[in-house]
Amino acid sequence: MEIIIDVQDVSLKIKEKDILSHVNLQCGRGEICGIIGRNGSGKTMLMKCICGFVRPTSGMVRVLEAQIGKEQDFISDAGIIIETPGFIPYYSGIKNLRLLASVQNKITEPQIKETMKKVGLNPDMKRAVRKYSLGMKQRLGLAQAIMENPDIMILDEPFNGLDKEGVLEMRGYFLEMKKAGKTILLCSHSAEDIEVLCDRVYEMEHGKLTGLNTIG
């Protein structure tokens, strides 16, 4: 299997505190990998290191053969949700997505609208994002992550705030992406999400990966 995300002996220290300690992780093409662990275990910070938002103190992160932080600053061709998705609160959902799409100009207006429908949002709704429910904001975050059909997805609690129907819909979409050869790395508090979706599961505790289980 072609390795797409390769984390090699990554450690991170902030203000003399060890946040990550000698972390090794791999995720291949057409694979969904999960990270489980308590709040504060280091999962989110590891994802930030993979994306290039935080530079590790030591070790190396390679994504699609490029070393993040040296050969390129940030991960490319990736859909990302880390922590709470941030949007301009007084714009509508589609206006926010239009602005994000204008950065690379890879997709058209009909594609943006189709993505919104796919995650259960009405693209014609004029409501400002500040008036969205938690679940609607999460759906909009998922829309921005998938709308450009990226090869890699980095998702921190992607189902947070979704109702049962929304969770089932998005699980199905992620499994379709896997079949299409996409690489997905996700964190979830839900054991069911992990069991249904993931090919391999890493357990994180106190900044260390303490186990690896291959499912199936």
Foldseek 3Di string as FASTA:
>chain_A
DAWFKWWAQFWAADPNATQAGGATDTWFWLFEEEEEEDPSLNLLVVLCCQFQVDPTPDTWIHGRNATDPPRHRGDPLFQEDGDQDDFDQQFQLLVRLVVLCVVPVQDDSVLLQVLLVLLPHHNPDGDGNNPDDSQSSLSSSVSSRPSNPGQEYEEEASCPPPDPVSVVSVLVVLNVSSVVGGIYYYYHNDPVSCLSHGQKYWYTGNNYGPDMDGHD
